[in-house]
Amino acid sequence: MDKKGQFETFWLEYVAGAFLIIAFYLAARGAYVGITYFVIVVIGAILGKFWYDIVRKKKALIHITVITLAVLLGMMLGAIGADRRIVVVLYALGLLLSYVAHKERWIKSI
């Protein structure tokens, strides 16, 4: 696949990644806990899409499991002013909702 085809295929991930970097910066500054919670849900949703892709292609689940747990640990450590229980619940909620949305074809995935 050429580079142009890759961008056309994965443009949503690139845009989401850019917004995620901006949002993570704002959340790390600790100005507003709501931004931190929003970032956590979005990260969970993005990883939910990756979970769906890995399970659908029947690849090794250990890699995505380690990445998912590492991201959760990083978010828990980085969420300075936030409640850790809410962080875990919102992360799991974003992950599960995205996975189910892709599995039930509410969101089309390649």
C-alpha atoms as a PDB file:
ATOM      1  CA  MET A   1       0.000   0.000   0.000  1.00  0.00           C
ATOM      2  CA  ASP A   2       1.417   3.399  -0.915  1.00  0.00           C
ATOM      3  CA  LYS A   3       1.715   6.292   1.517  1.00  0.00           C
ATOM      4  CA  LYS A   4      -1.265   8.129   0.051  1.00  0.00           C
ATOM      5  CA  GLY A   5      -3.460   5.080   0.562  1.00  0.00           C
ATOM      6  CA  GLN A   6      -2.322   4.781   4.156  1.00  0.00           C
ATOM      7  CA  PHE A   7      -3.370   8.336   4.974  1.00  0.00           C
ATOM      8  CA  GLU A   8      -6.734   7.919   3.286  1.00  0.00           C
ATOM      9  CA  THR A   9      -7.285   4.699   5.210  1.00  0.00           C
ATOM     10  CA  PHE A  10      -6.131   5.849   8.640  1.00  0.00           C
ATOM     11  CA  TRP A  11      -6.903   9.586   8.554  1.00  0.00           C
ATOM     12  CA  LEU A  12      -9.199   9.358  11.559  1.00  0.00           C
ATOM     13  CA  GLU A  13      -6.449   7.851  13.718  1.00  0.00           C
ATOM     14  CA  TYR A  14      -4.060  10.637  12.698  1.00  0.00           C
ATOM     15  CA  VAL A  15      -6.577  13.369  13.535  1.00  0.00           C
ATOM     16  CA  ALA A  16      -7.508  11.651  16.806  1.00  0.00           C
ATOM     17  CA  GLY A  17      -3.830  11.335  17.694  1.00  0.00           C
ATOM     18  CA  ALA A  18      -3.233  15.043  17.088  1.00  0.00           C
ATOM     19  CA  PHE A  19      -6.205  16.047  19.224  1.00  0.00           C
ATOM     20  CA  LEU A  20      -5.143  13.534  21.838  1.00  0.00           C
ATOM     21  CA  ILE A  21      -1.695  15.113  22.134  1.00  0.00           C
ATOM     22  CA  ILE A  22      -3.239  18.552  22.587  1.00  0.00           C
ATOM     23  CA  ALA A  23      -5.765  17.264  25.100  1.00  0.00           C
ATOM     24  CA  PHE A  24      -3.118  15.294  26.999  1.00  0.00           C
ATOM     25  CA  TYR A  25      -1.031  18.459  27.300  1.00  0.00           C
ATOM     26  CA  LEU A  26      -4.008  20.352  28.707  1.00  0.00           C
ATOM     27  CA  ALA A  27      -4.851  17.507  31.074  1.00  0.00           C
ATOM     28  CA  ALA A  28      -1.261  17.246  32.299  1.00  0.00           C
ATOM     29  CA  ARG A  29      -1.286  20.927  33.202  1.00  0.00           C
ATOM     30  CA  GLY A  30      -4.059  20.068  35.634  1.00  0.00           C
ATOM     31  CA  ALA A  31      -6.146  23.110  34.840  1.00  0.00           C
ATOM     32  CA  TYR A  32      -9.438  21.238  34.734  1.00  0.00           C
ATOM     33  CA  VAL A  33     -10.193  17.682  35.833  1.00  0.00           C
ATOM     34  CA  GLY A  34     -12.921  17.358  33.190  1.00  0.00           C
ATOM     35  CA  ILE A  35     -10.308  17.521  30.429  1.00  0.00           C
ATOM     36  CA  THR A  36      -8.416  14.700  32.112  1.00  0.00           C
ATOM     37  CA  TYR A  37     -11.542  12.556  32.219  1.00  0.00           C
ATOM     38  CA  PHE A  38     -12.312  13.350  28.574  1.00  0.00           C
ATOM     39  CA  VAL A  39      -8.793  12.372  27.509  1.00  0.00           C
ATOM     40  CA  ILE A  40      -9.081   9.103  29.396  1.00  0.00           C
ATOM     41  CA  VAL A  41     -12.340   8.196  27.646  1.00  0.00           C
ATOM     42  CA  VAL A  42     -10.869   9.076  24.229  1.00  0.00           C
ATOM     43  CA  ILE A  43      -7.733   7.013  24.875  1.00  0.00           C
ATOM     44  CA  GLY A  44      -9.928   4.109  25.925  1.00  0.00           C
ATOM     45  CA  ALA A  45     -12.005   4.489  22.768  1.00  0.00           C
ATOM     46  CA  ILE A  46      -8.944   4.490  20.527  1.00  0.00           C
ATOM     47  CA  LEU A  47      -7.581   1.388  22.236  1.00  0.00           C
ATOM     48  CA  GLY A  48     -11.020  -0.232  21.916  1.00  0.00           C
ATOM     49  CA  LYS A  49     -10.703   0.093  18.141  1.00  0.00           C
ATOM     50  CA  PHE A  50      -7.258  -1.517  18.287  1.00  0.00           C
ATOM     51  CA  TRP A  51      -8.650  -4.332  20.464  1.00  0.00           C
ATOM     52  CA  TYR A  52     -11.324  -4.953  17.842  1.00  0.00           C
ATOM     53  CA  ASP A  53      -8.739  -5.049  15.036  1.00  0.00           C
ATOM     54  CA  ILE A  54      -6.465  -7.439  16.953  1.00  0.00           C
ATOM     55  CA  VAL A  55      -9.291  -9.818  17.913  1.00  0.00           C
ATOM     56  CA  ARG A  56     -10.769  -9.744  14.413  1.00  0.00           C
ATOM     57  CA  LYS A  57      -7.431 -10.585  12.772  1.00  0.00           C
ATOM     58  CA  LYS A  58      -6.705 -13.224  15.456  1.00  0.00           C
ATOM     59  CA  LYS A  59      -3.297 -11.834  16.334  1.00  0.00           C
ATOM     60  CA  ALA A  60      -1.474 -12.153  19.656  1.00  0.00           C
ATOM     61  CA  LEU A  61      -3.505 -10.505  22.391  1.00  0.00           C
ATOM     62  CA  ILE A  62      -0.613 -10.231  24.834  1.00  0.00           C
ATOM     63  CA  HIS A  63       0.846  -7.174  23.086  1.00  0.00           C
ATOM     64  CA  ILE A  64      -2.354  -5.126  23.149  1.00  0.00           C
ATOM     65  CA  THR A  65      -3.046  -6.271  26.718  1.00  0.00           C
ATOM     66  CA  VAL A  66       0.329  -5.014  27.907  1.00  0.00           C
ATOM     67  CA  ILE A  67      -0.118  -1.744  26.010  1.00  0.00           C
ATOM     68  CA  THR A  68      -3.614  -1.280  27.443  1.00  0.00           C
ATOM     69  CA  LEU A  69      -2.463  -1.859  31.005  1.00  0.00           C
ATOM     70  CA  ALA A  70       0.587   0.378  30.534  1.00  0.00           C
ATOM     71  CA  VAL A  71      -1.578   3.215  29.206  1.00  0.00           C
ATOM     72  CA  LEU A  72      -3.988   2.789  32.113  1.00  0.00           C
ATOM     73  CA  LEU A  73      -1.131   2.896  34.604  1.00  0.00           C
ATOM     74  CA  GLY A  74       0.303   5.981  32.910  1.00  0.00           C
ATOM     75  CA  MET A  75      -3.052   7.730  32.979  1.00  0.00           C
ATOM     76  CA  MET A  76      -3.540   6.873  36.631  1.00  0.00           C
ATOM     77  CA  LEU A  77      -0.133   8.308  37.477  1.00  0.00           C
ATOM     78  CA  GLY A  78      -0.670  11.364  35.290  1.00  0.00           C
ATOM     79  CA  ALA A  79      -4.147  12.208  36.583  1.00  0.00           C
ATOM     80  CA  ILE A  80      -2.903  14.239  39.531  1.00  0.00           C
ATOM     81  CA  GLY A  81      -6.119  15.938  40.605  1.00  0.00           C
ATOM     82  CA  ALA A  82      -8.495  13.198  39.501  1.00  0.00           C
ATOM     83  CA  ASP A  83     -10.017  10.326  41.422  1.00  0.00           C
ATOM     84  CA  ARG A  84      -8.261   7.089  40.447  1.00  0.00           C
ATOM     85  CA  ARG A  85     -11.451   5.016  40.571  1.00  0.00           C
ATOM     86  CA  ILE A  86     -13.169   7.340  38.124  1.00  0.00           C
ATOM     87  CA  VAL A  87     -10.113   7.140  35.856  1.00  0.00           C
ATOM     88  CA  VAL A  88     -10.328   3.323  35.745  1.00  0.00           C
ATOM     89  CA  VAL A  89     -14.100   3.312  35.179  1.00  0.00           C
ATOM     90  CA  LEU A  90     -13.989   5.908  32.378  1.00  0.00           C
ATOM     91  CA  TYR A  91     -11.057   4.166  30.700  1.00  0.00           C
ATOM     92  CA  ALA A  92     -12.848   0.810  30.757  1.00  0.00           C
ATOM     93  CA  LEU A  93     -16.091   2.459  29.607  1.00  0.00           C
ATOM     94  CA  GLY A  94     -14.388   4.092  26.605  1.00  0.00           C
ATOM     95  CA  LEU A  95     -12.609   0.846  25.734  1.00  0.00           C
ATOM     96  CA  LEU A  96     -15.737  -1.311  25.952  1.00  0.00           C
ATOM     97  CA  LEU A  97     -18.035   1.135  24.161  1.00  0.00           C
ATOM     98  CA  SER A  98     -15.619   1.488  21.269  1.00  0.00           C
ATOM     99  CA  TYR A  99     -15.067  -2.264  21.039  1.00  0.00           C
ATOM    100  CA  VAL A 100     -18.812  -2.988  21.032  1.00  0.00           C
ATOM    101  CA  ALA A 101     -19.502  -0.182  18.541  1.00  0.00           C
ATOM    102  CA  HIS A 102     -16.971  -1.668  16.120  1.00  0.00           C
ATOM    103  CA  LYS A 103     -18.102  -5.243  16.710  1.00  0.00           C
ATOM    104  CA  GLU A 104     -21.781  -4.420  16.165  1.00  0.00           C
ATOM    105  CA  ARG A 105     -20.825  -2.382  13.080  1.00  0.00           C
ATOM    106  CA  TRP A 106     -22.171   0.897  14.465  1.00  0.00           C
ATOM    107  CA  ILE A 107     -18.797   2.272  13.419  1.00  0.00           C
ATOM    108  CA  LYS A 108     -17.223   0.915  10.263  1.00  0.00           C
ATOM    109  CA  SER A 109     -13.690  -0.348  10.619  1.00  0.00           C
ATOM    110  CA  ILE A 110     -11.322  -1.459   7.918  1.00  0.00           C
END
